[in-house]
Amino acid sequence: MKINLIIRHISMALILFALVACEEPPVPLKINTGQTLNEVAVTDLKGKETKLSLATGKVTVLNIWATWCGPCRHEMPSLDRLAGLLDKNKIEVVGLSVDTDDYVVREFLIERKVGFKNYMDPAMSVSNDVLGIRVYPSTFIFSAKGELLDVIEGWKEWDTEEMVRKMNRFIG
């Protein structure tokens, strides 16, 4: 009886190992560190098409998120607190929601008391076609000239001392 149990455990371990070993590498992003992105076409929170400049003379922290994304919902308050801790003359936080309903996005931002600028990418043309994100949320950090400096995938607690220091290092 014990031998059957041991054989079953070994078999399960081998199957799990085979599944992990066969896993494909992640799809690369469509923009790489060092590449420049001057502006992208987005929609404002009233449904009007506009351009979002990433070469603003300030470091831009661009967070791609959605109201239906649990981790996105979790990190938004700390991202808003981070925006309040940074020098607004040198660095700005901007959100880009992939939701299709601007009313839902506005209500979410009001409910969560999120004050930093937000836009929408309802067709996911920026998030998928330009950036090639793999995970929600994803945060892209651009230099004052629009050069991609860093990508942070997944949710973070943004208002920690460590993250504030990291963001301030980007402004030099």
C-alpha atoms as a PDB file:
ATOM      1  CA  MET A   1       0.000   0.000   0.000  1.00  0.00           C
ATOM      2  CA  LYS A   2       2.810   2.427   0.939  1.00  0.00           C
ATOM      3  CA  ILE A   3       4.724   1.627  -2.254  1.00  0.00           C
ATOM      4  CA  ASN A   4       1.647   2.433  -4.391  1.00  0.00           C
ATOM      5  CA  LEU A   5       1.343   5.789  -2.627  1.00  0.00           C
ATOM      6  CA  ILE A   6       5.039   6.558  -3.184  1.00  0.00           C
ATOM      7  CA  ILE A   7       4.779   5.588  -6.872  1.00  0.00           C
ATOM      8  CA  ARG A   8       1.686   7.784  -7.247  1.00  0.00           C
ATOM      9  CA  HIS A   9       3.508  10.795  -5.689  1.00  0.00           C
ATOM     10  CA  ILE A  10       6.554  10.266  -7.886  1.00  0.00           C
ATOM     11  CA  SER A  11       4.325   9.990 -10.961  1.00  0.00           C
ATOM     12  CA  MET A  12       2.522  13.226 -10.084  1.00  0.00           C
ATOM     13  CA  ALA A  13       5.843  14.998  -9.536  1.00  0.00           C
ATOM     14  CA  LEU A  14       7.113  13.810 -12.934  1.00  0.00           C
ATOM     15  CA  ILE A  15       3.927  14.971 -14.658  1.00  0.00           C
ATOM     16  CA  LEU A  16       4.163  18.410 -13.019  1.00  0.00           C
ATOM     17  CA  PHE A  17       7.833  18.642 -13.975  1.00  0.00           C
ATOM     18  CA  ALA A  18       6.997  17.757 -17.589  1.00  0.00           C
ATOM     19  CA  LEU A  19       4.274  20.400 -17.713  1.00  0.00           C
ATOM     20  CA  VAL A  20       6.569  23.104 -16.358  1.00  0.00           C
ATOM     21  CA  ALA A  21       9.454  22.042 -18.594  1.00  0.00           C
ATOM     22  CA  CYS A  22       7.233  22.317 -21.685  1.00  0.00           C
ATOM     23  CA  GLU A  23       6.022  25.806 -20.808  1.00  0.00           C
ATOM     24  CA  GLU A  24       6.738  28.306 -23.570  1.00  0.00           C
ATOM     25  CA  PRO A  25       8.766  31.417 -22.785  1.00  0.00           C
ATOM     26  CA  PRO A  26       6.716  34.582 -22.307  1.00  0.00           C
ATOM     27  CA  VAL A  27       5.833  36.615 -25.373  1.00  0.00           C
ATOM     28  CA  PRO A  28       8.154  39.635 -25.560  1.00  0.00           C
ATOM     29  CA  LEU A  29       6.796  43.140 -25.105  1.00  0.00           C
ATOM     30  CA  LYS A  30       6.384  45.189 -28.288  1.00  0.00           C
ATOM     31  CA  ILE A  31       8.486  48.013 -26.866  1.00  0.00           C
ATOM     32  CA  ASN A  32      11.866  47.535 -25.277  1.00  0.00           C
ATOM     33  CA  THR A  33      13.831  49.479 -22.719  1.00  0.00           C
ATOM     34  CA  GLY A  34      15.604  52.325 -24.497  1.00  0.00           C
ATOM     35  CA  GLN A  35      13.013  52.719 -27.264  1.00  0.00           C
ATOM     36  CA  THR A  36      11.230  56.065 -27.543  1.00  0.00           C
ATOM     37  CA  LEU A  37       7.477  56.545 -27.702  1.00  0.00           C
ATOM     38  CA  ASN A  38       6.470  60.177 -28.152  1.00  0.00           C
ATOM     39  CA  GLU A  39       2.671  59.920 -28.056  1.00  0.00           C
ATOM     40  CA  VAL A  40      -0.195  57.474 -28.347  1.00  0.00           C
ATOM     41  CA  ALA A  41      -3.831  57.809 -29.384  1.00  0.00           C
ATOM     42  CA  VAL A  42      -6.174  57.365 -26.419  1.00  0.00           C
ATOM     43  CA  THR A  43      -9.684  58.336 -25.359  1.00  0.00           C
ATOM     44  CA  ASP A  44     -10.390  60.767 -22.547  1.00  0.00           C
ATOM     45  CA  LEU A  45     -12.892  59.915 -19.813  1.00  0.00           C
ATOM     46  CA  LYS A  46     -15.717  61.541 -21.781  1.00  0.00           C
ATOM     47  CA  GLY A  47     -15.176  59.371 -24.859  1.00  0.00           C
ATOM     48  CA  LYS A  48     -13.255  61.927 -26.940  1.00  0.00           C
ATOM     49  CA  GLU A  49     -10.189  60.774 -28.865  1.00  0.00           C
ATOM     50  CA  THR A  50      -7.002  62.561 -27.890  1.00  0.00           C
ATOM     51  CA  LYS A  51      -3.226  62.120 -27.831  1.00  0.00           C
ATOM     52  CA  LEU A  52      -1.263  61.188 -24.735  1.00  0.00           C
ATOM     53  CA  SER A  53       2.253  62.576 -24.912  1.00  0.00           C
ATOM     54  CA  LEU A  54       4.953  60.521 -23.249  1.00  0.00           C
ATOM     55  CA  ALA A  55       7.703  63.027 -24.081  1.00  0.00           C
ATOM     56  CA  THR A  56       6.436  65.735 -21.735  1.00  0.00           C
ATOM     57  CA  GLY A  57       9.640  66.933 -20.159  1.00  0.00           C
ATOM     58  CA  LYS A  58       8.693  64.877 -17.070  1.00  0.00           C
ATOM     59  CA  VAL A  59       9.117  61.209 -16.249  1.00  0.00           C
ATOM     60  CA  THR A  60       5.797  59.469 -16.948  1.00  0.00           C
ATOM     61  CA  VAL A  61       4.622  56.461 -14.945  1.00  0.00           C
ATOM     62  CA  LEU A  62       1.995  54.890 -17.257  1.00  0.00           C
ATOM     63  CA  ASN A  63      -0.174  52.283 -15.532  1.00  0.00           C
ATOM     64  CA  ILE A  64      -2.305  49.991 -17.754  1.00  0.00           C
ATOM     65  CA  TRP A  65      -5.317  48.755 -15.787  1.00  0.00           C
ATOM     66  CA  ALA A  66      -9.004  47.751 -15.872  1.00  0.00           C
ATOM     67  CA  THR A  67     -11.923  47.951 -13.466  1.00  0.00           C
ATOM     68  CA  TRP A  68     -12.546  44.191 -13.910  1.00  0.00           C
ATOM     69  CA  CYS A  69      -8.966  43.369 -12.860  1.00  0.00           C
ATOM     70  CA  GLY A  70      -8.729  42.509  -9.157  1.00  0.00           C
ATOM     71  CA  PRO A  71      -4.999  43.284  -8.811  1.00  0.00           C
ATOM     72  CA  CYS A  72      -5.544  46.609 -10.637  1.00  0.00           C
ATOM     73  CA  ARG A  73      -8.336  47.545  -8.248  1.00  0.00           C
ATOM     74  CA  HIS A  74      -6.107  46.613  -5.315  1.00  0.00           C
ATOM     75  CA  GLU A  75      -3.132  48.746  -6.353  1.00  0.00           C
ATOM     76  CA  MET A  76      -4.956  51.921  -7.475  1.00  0.00           C
ATOM     77  CA  PRO A  77      -5.140  53.590  -4.021  1.00  0.00           C
ATOM     78  CA  SER A  78      -1.399  53.082  -3.405  1.00  0.00           C
ATOM     79  CA  LEU A  79      -0.601  54.342  -6.914  1.00  0.00           C
ATOM     80  CA  ASP A  80      -2.655  57.449  -6.165  1.00  0.00           C
ATOM     81  CA  ARG A  81      -0.770  57.948  -2.893  1.00  0.00           C
ATOM     82  CA  LEU A  82       2.523  57.568  -4.812  1.00  0.00           C
ATOM     83  CA  ALA A  83       1.419  60.327  -7.205  1.00  0.00           C
ATOM     84  CA  GLY A  84       0.950  62.593  -4.180  1.00  0.00           C
ATOM     85  CA  LEU A  85       4.436  61.810  -2.854  1.00  0.00           C
ATOM     86  CA  LEU A  86       6.303  62.660  -6.080  1.00  0.00           C
ATOM     87  CA  ASP A  87       7.493  66.028  -7.387  1.00  0.00           C
ATOM     88  CA  LYS A  88       4.727  66.882  -9.887  1.00  0.00           C
ATOM     89  CA  ASN A  89       7.134  69.158 -11.793  1.00  0.00           C
ATOM     90  CA  LYS A  90       9.416  66.213 -12.580  1.00  0.00           C
ATOM     91  CA  ILE A  91       7.288  63.048 -12.622  1.00  0.00           C
ATOM     92  CA  GLU A  92       3.646  62.251 -13.240  1.00  0.00           C
ATOM     93  CA  VAL A  93       1.471  59.188 -12.859  1.00  0.00           C
ATOM     94  CA  VAL A  94      -1.014  58.466 -15.657  1.00  0.00           C
ATOM     95  CA  GLY A  95      -3.548  55.658 -15.869  1.00  0.00           C
ATOM     96  CA  LEU A  96      -4.735  53.960 -19.051  1.00  0.00           C
ATOM     97  CA  SER A  97      -7.821  51.810 -18.591  1.00  0.00           C
ATOM     98  CA  VAL A  98      -8.685  49.135 -21.153  1.00  0.00           C
ATOM     99  CA  ASP A  99     -12.351  49.242 -20.132  1.00  0.00           C
ATOM    100  CA  THR A 100     -14.920  50.044 -22.823  1.00  0.00           C
ATOM    101  CA  ASP A 101     -17.361  52.021 -20.653  1.00  0.00           C
ATOM    102  CA  ASP A 102     -16.126  55.491 -19.645  1.00  0.00           C
ATOM    103  CA  TYR A 103     -18.929  55.810 -17.067  1.00  0.00           C
ATOM    104  CA  VAL A 104     -17.707  52.704 -15.214  1.00  0.00           C
ATOM    105  CA  VAL A 105     -14.127  54.034 -15.227  1.00  0.00           C
ATOM    106  CA  ARG A 106     -15.154  57.490 -13.970  1.00  0.00           C
ATOM    107  CA  GLU A 107     -17.291  55.980 -11.200  1.00  0.00           C
ATOM    108  CA  PHE A 108     -14.470  53.664 -10.138  1.00  0.00           C
ATOM    109  CA  LEU A 109     -11.991  56.557  -9.966  1.00  0.00           C
ATOM    110  CA  ILE A 110     -14.439  58.700  -7.973  1.00  0.00           C
ATOM    111  CA  GLU A 111     -15.281  55.831  -5.608  1.00  0.00           C
ATOM    112  CA  ARG A 112     -11.582  55.090  -4.979  1.00  0.00           C
ATOM    113  CA  LYS A 113     -10.696  58.818  -4.806  1.00  0.00           C
ATOM    114  CA  VAL A 114      -8.046  58.424  -7.503  1.00  0.00           C
ATOM    115  CA  GLY A 115      -6.845  61.873  -8.529  1.00  0.00           C
ATOM    116  CA  PHE A 116      -4.119  61.269 -11.108  1.00  0.00           C
ATOM    117  CA  LYS A 117      -4.865  61.637 -14.841  1.00  0.00           C
ATOM    118  CA  ASN A 118      -6.557  58.717 -16.511  1.00  0.00           C
ATOM    119  CA  TYR A 119      -7.377  57.884 -20.099  1.00  0.00           C
ATOM    120  CA  MET A 120      -8.915  54.917 -21.856  1.00  0.00           C
ATOM    121  CA  ASP A 121      -7.790  52.418 -24.463  1.00  0.00           C
ATOM    122  CA  PRO A 122     -11.110  50.663 -25.198  1.00  0.00           C
ATOM    123  CA  ALA A 123      -9.880  48.908 -28.365  1.00  0.00           C
ATOM    124  CA  MET A 124      -6.654  47.944 -26.515  1.00  0.00           C
ATOM    125  CA  SER A 125      -4.675  49.339 -29.439  1.00  0.00           C
ATOM    126  CA  VAL A 126      -2.069  50.973 -27.199  1.00  0.00           C
ATOM    127  CA  SER A 127      -1.905  48.215 -24.591  1.00  0.00           C
ATOM    128  CA  ASN A 128      -1.778  45.332 -27.097  1.00  0.00           C
ATOM    129  CA  ASP A 129      -0.500  46.748 -30.397  1.00  0.00           C
ATOM    130  CA  VAL A 130       1.990  49.370 -29.179  1.00  0.00           C
ATOM    131  CA  LEU A 131       3.135  48.035 -25.793  1.00  0.00           C
ATOM    132  CA  GLY A 132       2.216  44.350 -26.041  1.00  0.00           C
ATOM    133  CA  ILE A 133       1.354  43.973 -22.368  1.00  0.00           C
ATOM    134  CA  ARG A 134       1.237  40.473 -20.913  1.00  0.00           C
ATOM    135  CA  VAL A 135      -0.218  41.117 -17.464  1.00  0.00           C
ATOM    136  CA  TYR A 136      -2.754  43.464 -15.885  1.00  0.00           C
ATOM    137  CA  PRO A 137      -1.746  45.757 -14.358  1.00  0.00           C
ATOM    138  CA  SER A 138       1.442  46.709 -16.169  1.00  0.00           C
ATOM    139  CA  THR A 139       3.351  49.911 -15.563  1.00  0.00           C
ATOM    140  CA  PHE A 140       5.686  51.520 -18.088  1.00  0.00           C
ATOM    141  CA  ILE A 141       8.083  54.236 -16.961  1.00  0.00           C
ATOM    142  CA  PHE A 142       9.153  56.723 -19.624  1.00  0.00           C
ATOM    143  CA  SER A 143      11.882  59.348 -19.415  1.00  0.00           C
ATOM    144  CA  ALA A 144      11.156  63.041 -19.933  1.00  0.00           C
ATOM    145  CA  LYS A 145      11.987  62.464 -23.630  1.00  0.00           C
ATOM    146  CA  GLY A 146       9.648  59.457 -23.991  1.00  0.00           C
ATOM    147  CA  GLU A 147      12.312  56.753 -23.722  1.00  0.00           C
ATOM    148  CA  LEU A 148      11.190  53.556 -21.983  1.00  0.00           C
ATOM    149  CA  LEU A 149      13.172  53.209 -18.771  1.00  0.00           C
ATOM    150  CA  ASP A 150      11.475  50.297 -17.017  1.00  0.00           C
ATOM    151  CA  VAL A 151       8.463  47.977 -17.044  1.00  0.00           C
ATOM    152  CA  ILE A 152       6.830  46.653 -13.885  1.00  0.00           C
ATOM    153  CA  GLU A 153       4.367  43.813 -14.437  1.00  0.00           C
ATOM    154  CA  GLY A 154       1.742  42.893 -11.872  1.00  0.00           C
ATOM    155  CA  TRP A 155       0.415  44.817  -8.889  1.00  0.00           C
ATOM    156  CA  LYS A 156       2.626  46.617  -6.436  1.00  0.00           C
ATOM    157  CA  GLU A 157       2.294  48.597  -3.247  1.00  0.00           C
ATOM    158  CA  TRP A 158       3.401  51.841  -4.855  1.00  0.00           C
ATOM    159  CA  ASP A 159       3.626  54.137  -1.841  1.00  0.00           C
ATOM    160  CA  THR A 160       6.341  52.261   0.030  1.00  0.00           C
ATOM    161  CA  GLU A 161       9.658  54.015   0.760  1.00  0.00           C
ATOM    162  CA  GLU A 162      11.384  51.607  -1.616  1.00  0.00           C
ATOM    163  CA  MET A 163       9.059  52.413  -4.549  1.00  0.00           C
ATOM    164  CA  VAL A 164       9.212  56.165  -3.906  1.00  0.00           C
ATOM    165  CA  ARG A 165      13.031  55.957  -3.933  1.00  0.00           C
ATOM    166  CA  LYS A 166      12.912  53.908  -7.139  1.00  0.00           C
ATOM    167  CA  MET A 167      10.664  56.449  -8.871  1.00  0.00           C
ATOM    168  CA  ASN A 168      12.809  59.371  -7.685  1.00  0.00           C
ATOM    169  CA  ARG A 169      15.915  57.673  -9.115  1.00  0.00           C
ATOM    170  CA  PHE A 170      14.337  57.969 -12.568  1.00  0.00           C
ATOM    171  CA  ILE A 171      14.278  61.751 -12.301  1.00  0.00           C
ATOM    172  CA  GLY A 172      17.925  61.853 -11.288  1.00  0.00           C
END
